[in-house]
Amino acid sequence: MNATQDTPLVDGFNPRDPGVAMLARAIDPARPALLVHCGPLPGAGPNATRLVLDVRERPENGERCIPAQLPADLRAASAPPDTDAVDPALPLGRRWPLALVWPRAHLGKDFSEQCLALAAMHLEPGGRLLCAVRKARGGASLKRSMAALLGNVRVAARDHGYHLHISENVAGVDLQLARAACERRYAWSDPLLGELELLGVPGVFSRKHLDLGTAALLRHLTENGTNGGPAPSRVLDIGCGVGPLSIWAARRWPAASVLAVETNALAAALARVNAVRAGLSERVRVLHRDILTMTPPATQLEEVPPGFLTAGCDLAVVNPPTHAPSELFARLVTAPASFLRPGAPAWFVVNRSGSLRKALRRSGAELDAPVEVPGFHLVRARWPASLHTR
């Protein structure tokens, strides 16, 4: 596979997955193909267009990459709109003879159904939709979804418990069903966030409710604040998701500015929408970036207005992806050291603290004893001034 060494660091993508190999065998590099969140497939090249969810997903074989987009009405809710209005029946502007879907099961069945709907909507007459899925992980359900969208489906191949399902666009697409899947969204609230209602969509973490780990961290910070210290004026939220930690911090400390960083395109766009809805867009700035590629101070970034973060941050809040490969996890949890002023705290929430504490110690961080709450560990880390002056 012609993939860079960074490929395994993309959330949910496994280039060794048998389903990926099955899809790759169906690619004809001479013909156009639409890859709906498949990751980089062998055989894909300049004739392929790939929808990507994460900022770390880059062209691997010369294919065109298009970031995932929110439904048009939600895009219009952000300021300014992320993209121009498009035809809801053909969001990507053209049709393909072949569309491929590799479901990322950890993102939920609703996201897989949305991927199938997008693929079906963009098939030309006679075009084929292929989906490789593990039989034991929702294969039968997604097979039914394909049949409902296009009126037919068959199993074309099997490999190590995976099935390759194929549907053909011979009688048209059920556009009403497809649009409903593509426009699905959720609205939820939580007492920890007051009366505020946050929006979520398929493909983002904690799309339907406040994540239990985030709730545990918010509960602790609400009860303990800064442990008697001054209120922070600059807060960093790494992996902000749809924005609950950022929005909570901006409301908790009305004089604070918050820099929220998120690699997931849909989550970053929703965090902006939720900040606008909360009336906090001037103090909560969301970057669709990889924190590992950012160079502090943040004022060097064109997306951040001059003076927004003029010095080191006073607090970082992080709910890290514990399912990430160990190398990526270690780099992510030590990233706050570059953005915090010397001695300023970073708070983390994890199910188990062993790997986190090991990575933090290796970076030179000073750690408090973890706070244990049901199901989670809360860890506070601080990097001394000596590390910042090396």
Protein backbone atom coordinates (compact mmCIF):
# COMPACT_ATOMS: atom_id res chain seq x y z
CA MET A 1 0.00 0.00 0.00
CA ASN A 2 1.33 3.44 -0.97
CA ALA A 3 0.62 5.08 2.37
CA THR A 4 2.74 7.43 4.42
CA GLN A 5 3.94 6.62 7.88
CA ASP A 6 1.27 8.96 9.24
CA THR A 7 -1.61 6.88 7.87
CA PRO A 8 -2.09 4.70 10.99
CA LEU A 9 -2.46 7.90 13.02
CA VAL A 10 -5.75 8.74 11.28
CA ASP A 11 -8.60 8.00 13.68
CA GLY A 12 -10.35 4.76 12.79
CA PHE A 13 -8.35 3.91 9.68
CA ASN A 14 -6.62 0.54 9.46
CA PRO A 15 -4.82 -0.07 6.15
CA ARG A 16 -4.52 -3.78 7.01
CA ASP A 17 -8.27 -4.24 7.32
CA PRO A 18 -9.51 -7.01 4.93
CA GLY A 19 -12.40 -4.73 3.93
CA VAL A 20 -9.96 -2.08 2.74
CA ALA A 21 -8.22 -4.68 0.58
CA MET A 22 -11.54 -5.82 -0.91
CA LEU A 23 -12.40 -2.29 -1.94
CA ALA A 24 -8.93 -1.70 -3.33
CA ARG A 25 -9.32 -4.68 -5.65
CA ALA A 26 -12.46 -3.07 -7.10
CA ILE A 27 -10.70 0.15 -8.11
CA ASP A 28 -9.86 0.76 -11.77
CA PRO A 29 -7.28 3.58 -11.78
CA ALA A 30 -8.36 4.57 -15.27
CA ARG A 31 -11.94 5.30 -14.21
CA PRO A 32 -13.28 7.98 -11.84
CA ALA A 33 -14.29 6.80 -8.38
CA LEU A 34 -15.71 8.42 -5.25
CA LEU A 35 -14.21 7.18 -1.97
CA VAL A 36 -16.52 8.04 0.92
CA HIS A 37 -14.36 8.02 4.07
CA CYS A 38 -12.50 4.92 2.92
CA GLY A 39 -9.05 6.19 3.64
CA PRO A 40 -6.39 5.99 0.90
CA LEU A 41 -6.97 2.89 -1.23
CA PRO A 42 -4.31 1.24 -3.41
CA GLY A 43 -5.15 1.87 -7.04
CA ALA A 44 -6.75 5.22 -6.38
CA GLY A 45 -5.09 8.06 -8.24
CA PRO A 46 -5.86 11.36 -9.96
CA ASN A 47 -9.19 10.01 -11.19
CA ALA A 48 -10.40 9.38 -7.65
CA THR A 49 -12.07 11.83 -5.28
CA ARG A 50 -11.90 11.05 -1.57
CA LEU A 51 -14.09 12.47 1.18
CA VAL A 52 -12.05 12.93 4.34
CA LEU A 53 -13.11 13.53 7.92
CA ASP A 54 -9.82 14.27 9.63
CA VAL A 55 -7.28 17.00 8.90
CA ARG A 56 -4.56 14.33 9.07
CA GLU A 57 -5.99 12.58 6.01
CA ARG A 58 -3.91 13.72 3.05
CA PRO A 59 -3.76 12.68 -0.60
CA GLU A 60 -1.71 9.49 -0.82
CA ASN A 61 -1.90 8.64 -4.52
CA GLY A 62 -2.69 11.96 -6.20
CA GLU A 63 -6.42 11.69 -5.51
CA ARG A 64 -8.47 14.79 -4.79
CA CYS A 65 -9.49 15.12 -1.11
CA ILE A 66 -12.63 16.99 0.02
CA PRO A 67 -13.31 17.61 3.73
CA ALA A 68 -16.65 16.44 5.11
CA GLN A 69 -19.25 19.21 5.37
CA LEU A 70 -22.15 19.99 7.64
CA PRO A 71 -25.65 20.22 6.17
CA ALA A 72 -26.11 23.59 4.44
CA ASP A 73 -28.41 25.08 7.09
CA LEU A 74 -25.88 24.34 9.84
CA ARG A 75 -23.04 25.79 7.77
CA ALA A 76 -25.06 28.97 7.42
CA ALA A 77 -25.32 29.16 11.22
CA SER A 78 -21.57 29.70 11.57
CA ALA A 79 -20.00 33.07 10.93
CA PRO A 80 -18.91 33.28 8.19
CA PRO A 81 -20.39 30.26 6.36
CA ASP A 82 -17.80 27.56 5.74
CA THR A 83 -18.80 26.98 2.10
CA ASP A 84 -21.11 28.29 -0.58
CA ALA A 85 -24.58 26.85 -0.97
CA VAL A 86 -24.76 23.67 -3.07
CA ASP A 87 -27.49 21.62 -4.68
CA PRO A 88 -28.89 19.40 -1.88
CA ALA A 89 -29.51 16.62 -4.40
CA LEU A 90 -25.88 16.67 -5.55
CA PRO A 91 -23.70 18.21 -2.81
CA LEU A 92 -20.40 17.38 -4.55
CA GLY A 93 -21.52 18.77 -7.90
CA ARG A 94 -21.08 15.69 -10.11
CA ARG A 95 -21.74 11.94 -10.40
CA TRP A 96 -19.43 8.93 -10.47
CA PRO A 97 -19.60 5.44 -12.04
CA LEU A 98 -18.22 3.91 -8.84
CA ALA A 99 -18.59 4.90 -5.18
CA LEU A 100 -16.98 3.04 -2.29
CA VAL A 101 -17.69 3.04 1.46
CA TRP A 102 -15.59 1.55 4.24
CA PRO A 103 -17.56 2.04 7.48
CA ARG A 104 -15.67 3.32 10.49
CA ALA A 105 -17.65 1.42 13.07
CA HIS A 106 -16.45 3.46 16.05
CA LEU A 107 -18.23 6.51 14.61
CA GLY A 108 -21.64 4.83 14.76
CA LYS A 109 -24.19 3.25 12.48
CA ASP A 110 -25.73 6.64 11.66
CA PHE A 111 -22.45 7.82 10.13
CA SER A 112 -22.14 4.63 8.08
CA GLU A 113 -25.69 5.14 6.80
CA GLN A 114 -24.84 8.74 5.94
CA CYS A 115 -21.79 7.60 3.98
CA LEU A 116 -23.92 5.14 2.01
CA ALA A 117 -26.49 7.85 1.31
CA LEU A 118 -23.85 10.29 0.04
CA ALA A 119 -22.36 7.59 -2.17
CA ALA A 120 -25.76 6.62 -3.61
CA MET A 121 -26.71 10.25 -4.35
CA HIS A 122 -23.58 10.69 -6.44
CA LEU A 123 -23.86 7.61 -8.64
CA GLU A 124 -24.43 8.09 -12.33
CA PRO A 125 -27.10 5.88 -13.99
CA GLY A 126 -25.75 2.34 -14.01
CA GLY A 127 -23.12 3.24 -11.42
CA ARG A 128 -22.19 0.87 -8.62
CA LEU A 129 -21.99 1.38 -4.86
CA LEU A 130 -19.60 -0.93 -2.99
CA CYS A 131 -19.42 -1.35 0.77
CA ALA A 132 -16.99 -3.70 2.53
CA VAL A 133 -18.09 -4.46 6.07
CA ARG A 134 -17.49 -7.11 8.67
CA LYS A 135 -20.52 -9.39 8.87
CA ALA A 136 -20.44 -9.47 12.66
CA ARG A 137 -20.27 -5.68 12.96
CA GLY A 138 -23.41 -4.40 11.29
CA GLY A 139 -23.01 -6.00 7.89
CA ALA A 140 -26.63 -7.15 7.63
CA SER A 141 -27.97 -3.76 8.69
CA LEU A 142 -25.88 -1.83 6.16
CA LYS A 143 -26.85 -4.33 3.47
CA ARG A 144 -30.49 -3.45 4.17
CA SER A 145 -29.66 0.26 3.97
CA MET A 146 -28.10 -0.20 0.53
CA ALA A 147 -31.16 -2.11 -0.68
CA ALA A 148 -33.45 0.64 0.61
CA LEU A 149 -31.43 3.38 -1.12
CA LEU A 150 -31.01 1.69 -4.53
CA GLY A 151 -33.55 -1.13 -4.58
CA ASN A 152 -31.00 -3.93 -4.90
CA VAL A 153 -27.94 -5.41 -3.22
CA ARG A 154 -25.82 -8.55 -3.52
CA VAL A 155 -22.76 -10.04 -1.86
CA ALA A 156 -19.92 -10.07 -4.39
CA ALA A 157 -17.06 -11.39 -2.24
CA ARG A 158 -16.18 -12.69 1.22
CA ASP A 159 -12.88 -12.57 3.11
CA HIS A 160 -12.13 -13.32 6.78
CA GLY A 161 -15.65 -12.53 7.94
CA TYR A 162 -15.99 -9.46 5.70
CA HIS A 163 -18.56 -9.13 2.95
CA LEU A 164 -18.33 -6.94 -0.12
CA HIS A 165 -21.85 -5.64 -0.85
CA ILE A 166 -22.71 -4.15 -4.25
CA SER A 167 -25.75 -2.12 -5.28
CA GLU A 168 -26.37 -0.71 -8.77
CA ASN A 169 -28.15 2.48 -9.74
CA VAL A 170 -30.58 0.89 -12.20
CA ALA A 171 -33.90 2.36 -11.00
CA GLY A 172 -32.77 5.57 -9.36
CA VAL A 173 -32.01 6.50 -5.77
CA ASP A 174 -34.52 7.04 -2.99
CA LEU A 175 -33.53 10.71 -2.58
CA GLN A 176 -35.91 11.31 0.29
CA LEU A 177 -34.24 8.56 2.31
CA ALA A 178 -30.76 9.67 1.25
CA ARG A 179 -31.35 13.31 2.17
CA ALA A 180 -32.79 12.34 5.53
CA ALA A 181 -29.60 10.39 6.32
CA CYS A 182 -27.37 13.24 5.16
CA GLU A 183 -29.26 15.91 7.11
CA ARG A 184 -29.53 14.00 10.37
CA ARG A 185 -28.58 15.98 13.46
CA TYR A 186 -29.06 15.92 17.21
CA ALA A 187 -29.66 18.54 19.88
CA TRP A 188 -28.84 17.92 23.51
CA SER A 189 -28.33 19.77 26.76
CA ASP A 190 -26.83 18.96 30.14
CA PRO A 191 -27.19 20.62 33.55
CA LEU A 192 -23.41 21.13 33.67
CA LEU A 193 -23.75 23.46 30.68
CA GLY A 194 -26.81 25.30 31.99
CA GLU A 195 -29.69 25.92 29.64
CA LEU A 196 -27.49 25.79 26.54
CA GLU A 197 -28.41 23.31 23.80
CA LEU A 198 -25.56 21.88 21.73
CA LEU A 199 -25.88 20.37 18.27
CA GLY A 200 -24.32 17.15 17.02
CA VAL A 201 -24.24 15.19 13.76
CA PRO A 202 -23.16 11.69 12.73
CA GLY A 203 -19.40 11.32 12.54
CA VAL A 204 -18.46 13.27 15.67
CA PHE A 205 -17.62 12.20 19.20
CA SER A 206 -20.40 12.58 21.78
CA ARG A 207 -22.93 13.66 19.17
CA LYS A 208 -26.08 12.86 21.20
CA HIS A 209 -25.14 13.70 24.78
CA LEU A 210 -22.35 14.98 27.00
CA ASP A 211 -19.60 12.38 27.17
CA LEU A 212 -19.29 10.83 30.63
CA GLY A 213 -15.58 11.61 30.84
CA THR A 214 -16.10 15.23 29.86
CA ALA A 215 -18.92 15.43 32.42
CA ALA A 216 -16.60 14.09 35.13
CA LEU A 217 -13.97 16.71 34.32
CA LEU A 218 -16.53 19.52 34.16
CA ARG A 219 -18.04 18.44 37.46
CA HIS A 220 -14.64 18.50 39.15
CA LEU A 221 -13.65 21.87 37.68
CA THR A 222 -17.06 23.33 38.55
CA GLU A 223 -16.67 22.27 42.18
CA ASN A 224 -12.97 23.10 42.54
CA GLY A 225 -12.28 25.79 39.95
CA THR A 226 -8.64 26.85 40.01
CA ASN A 227 -8.08 25.61 43.56
CA GLY A 228 -7.95 29.14 44.92
CA GLY A 229 -5.74 30.54 42.14
CA PRO A 230 -6.64 33.41 39.80
CA ALA A 231 -9.18 32.84 37.06
CA PRO A 232 -7.50 31.87 33.76
CA SER A 233 -7.53 34.44 31.00
CA ARG A 234 -6.36 32.08 28.26
CA VAL A 235 -7.66 28.51 27.97
CA LEU A 236 -6.62 25.80 25.50
CA ASP A 237 -8.97 22.93 24.58
CA ILE A 238 -7.24 20.17 22.60
CA GLY A 239 -9.60 17.84 20.74
CA CYS A 240 -12.57 20.07 21.49
CA GLY A 241 -15.20 17.94 19.74
CA VAL A 242 -18.45 19.90 19.41
CA GLY A 243 -17.21 22.35 22.03
CA PRO A 244 -18.61 21.55 25.50
CA LEU A 245 -15.35 22.17 27.41
CA SER A 246 -14.58 25.36 25.48
CA ILE A 247 -18.06 26.76 25.92
CA TRP A 248 -18.12 25.83 29.60
CA ALA A 249 -14.76 27.58 30.18
CA ALA A 250 -15.87 30.73 28.37
CA ARG A 251 -19.04 30.90 30.44
CA ARG A 252 -17.29 30.01 33.70
CA TRP A 253 -14.66 32.75 33.25
CA PRO A 254 -16.27 35.67 31.36
CA ALA A 255 -12.94 37.44 30.82
CA ALA A 256 -11.22 34.38 29.34
CA SER A 257 -10.46 33.68 25.70
CA VAL A 258 -10.51 30.04 24.58
CA LEU A 259 -8.55 28.45 21.75
CA ALA A 260 -10.21 25.18 20.67
CA VAL A 261 -8.35 22.81 18.34
CA GLU A 262 -9.99 19.86 16.57
CA THR A 263 -8.88 17.58 13.69
CA ASN A 264 -12.38 16.28 12.80
CA ALA A 265 -13.86 18.57 10.13
CA LEU A 266 -17.47 18.07 11.20
CA ALA A 267 -16.70 18.50 14.91
CA ALA A 268 -14.67 21.67 14.32
CA ALA A 269 -17.46 23.18 12.21
CA LEU A 270 -20.05 22.24 14.85
CA ALA A 271 -17.93 23.71 17.64
CA ARG A 272 -18.03 27.02 15.73
CA VAL A 273 -21.79 26.71 15.31
CA ASN A 274 -22.29 25.93 18.99
CA ALA A 275 -20.08 28.87 20.02
CA VAL A 276 -22.16 31.17 17.82
CA ARG A 277 -25.39 29.82 19.28
CA ALA A 278 -24.01 30.40 22.78
CA GLY A 279 -23.07 34.00 21.93
CA LEU A 280 -19.39 33.21 22.52
CA SER A 281 -17.87 33.32 19.04
CA GLU A 282 -15.71 36.33 19.93
CA ARG A 283 -14.07 34.50 22.84
CA VAL A 284 -14.10 30.90 21.60
CA ARG A 285 -12.00 30.48 18.48
CA VAL A 286 -12.05 27.05 16.86
CA LEU A 287 -9.24 25.85 14.62
CA HIS A 288 -9.62 22.87 12.31
CA ARG A 289 -6.00 21.96 12.81
CA ASP A 290 -3.70 19.26 14.15
CA ILE A 291 -2.22 20.58 17.39
CA LEU A 292 0.95 18.63 16.59
CA THR A 293 1.61 20.81 13.52
CA MET A 294 0.97 24.11 15.29
CA THR A 295 3.81 26.34 16.44
CA PRO A 296 3.14 28.54 19.46
CA PRO A 297 2.43 31.30 20.10
CA ALA A 298 -0.98 30.86 18.55
CA THR A 299 -0.92 34.45 17.31
CA GLN A 300 1.32 33.22 14.49
CA LEU A 301 -1.72 31.48 13.02
CA GLU A 302 -3.73 33.53 10.56
CA GLU A 303 -7.00 32.06 11.87
CA VAL A 304 -6.39 33.66 15.28
CA PRO A 305 -6.83 37.45 15.46
CA PRO A 306 -3.79 39.40 16.70
CA GLY A 307 -3.81 39.66 20.47
CA PHE A 308 -6.28 36.81 20.96
CA LEU A 309 -3.65 34.69 22.69
CA THR A 310 -0.69 36.99 23.23
CA ALA A 311 1.15 34.82 25.74
CA GLY A 312 1.17 31.38 27.27
CA CYS A 313 -2.14 29.81 28.16
CA ASP A 314 -3.19 29.62 31.81
CA LEU A 315 -5.10 26.34 31.56
CA ALA A 316 -5.47 23.40 29.18
CA VAL A 317 -8.37 20.93 29.24
CA VAL A 318 -8.00 17.66 27.35
CA ASN A 319 -10.20 14.61 26.88
CA PRO A 320 -7.69 12.62 24.81
CA PRO A 321 -8.48 9.78 22.38
CA THR A 322 -7.34 6.84 24.50
CA HIS A 323 -7.96 4.45 21.58
CA ALA A 324 -5.26 6.21 19.53
CA PRO A 325 -1.95 4.45 18.80
CA SER A 326 0.45 4.83 21.72
CA GLU A 327 2.86 7.10 19.84
CA LEU A 328 0.13 9.50 18.79
CA PHE A 329 -1.47 9.43 22.24
CA ALA A 330 1.83 10.35 23.90
CA ARG A 331 2.41 13.24 21.50
CA LEU A 332 -1.10 14.58 21.96
CA VAL A 333 -1.11 14.58 25.76
CA THR A 334 2.25 16.33 25.94
CA ALA A 335 1.33 18.98 23.34
CA PRO A 336 -0.02 21.44 25.97
CA ALA A 337 3.54 21.96 27.27
CA SER A 338 4.29 24.17 24.25
CA PHE A 339 1.26 26.41 24.78
CA LEU A 340 1.04 26.78 28.55
CA ARG A 341 2.95 29.35 30.56
CA PRO A 342 5.47 27.74 32.94
CA GLY A 343 3.70 26.03 35.82
CA ALA A 344 0.20 26.42 34.37
CA PRO A 345 -1.95 23.29 34.70
CA ALA A 346 -3.31 20.92 32.11
CA TRP A 347 -6.27 18.77 33.18
CA PHE A 348 -6.88 15.39 31.54
CA VAL A 349 -9.69 12.86 31.86
CA VAL A 350 -9.06 9.18 31.00
CA ASN A 351 -10.50 5.79 31.88
CA ARG A 352 -7.11 4.52 33.07
CA SER A 353 -4.25 6.82 33.92
CA GLY A 354 -1.22 4.54 33.51
CA SER A 355 -0.32 5.38 29.89
CA LEU A 356 -1.17 9.04 30.38
CA ARG A 357 0.97 9.43 33.47
CA LYS A 358 3.87 7.58 31.83
CA ALA A 359 3.81 9.87 28.79
CA LEU A 360 3.53 13.01 30.92
CA ARG A 361 6.42 12.02 33.18
CA ARG A 362 8.62 11.33 30.16
CA SER A 363 7.93 14.90 28.99
CA GLY A 364 9.12 16.31 32.31
CA ALA A 365 5.70 17.18 33.68
CA GLU A 366 5.01 17.37 37.39
CA LEU A 367 1.89 15.38 38.28
CA ASP A 368 -0.58 15.58 41.12
CA ALA A 369 -2.10 12.40 42.45
CA PRO A 370 -4.95 11.43 40.11
CA VAL A 371 -8.48 12.23 41.22
CA GLU A 372 -10.53 9.05 40.98
CA VAL A 373 -14.22 9.35 40.14
CA PRO A 374 -16.54 6.52 39.06
CA GLY A 375 -15.19 5.19 35.77
CA PHE A 376 -12.51 7.85 35.25
CA HIS A 377 -9.24 9.33 36.45
CA LEU A 378 -8.64 13.09 36.40
CA VAL A 379 -4.99 14.05 36.12
CA ARG A 380 -3.42 17.50 36.58
CA ALA A 381 0.01 18.10 35.01
CA ARG A 382 2.31 21.12 35.08
CA TRP A 383 5.53 21.72 33.21
CA PRO A 384 8.16 23.68 35.16
CA ALA A 385 9.87 26.82 33.88
CA SER A 386 13.13 24.95 33.28
CA LEU A 387 11.55 23.04 30.39
CA HIS A 388 10.36 26.23 28.73
CA THR A 389 13.82 27.81 28.74
CA ARG A 390 15.80 24.91 27.27
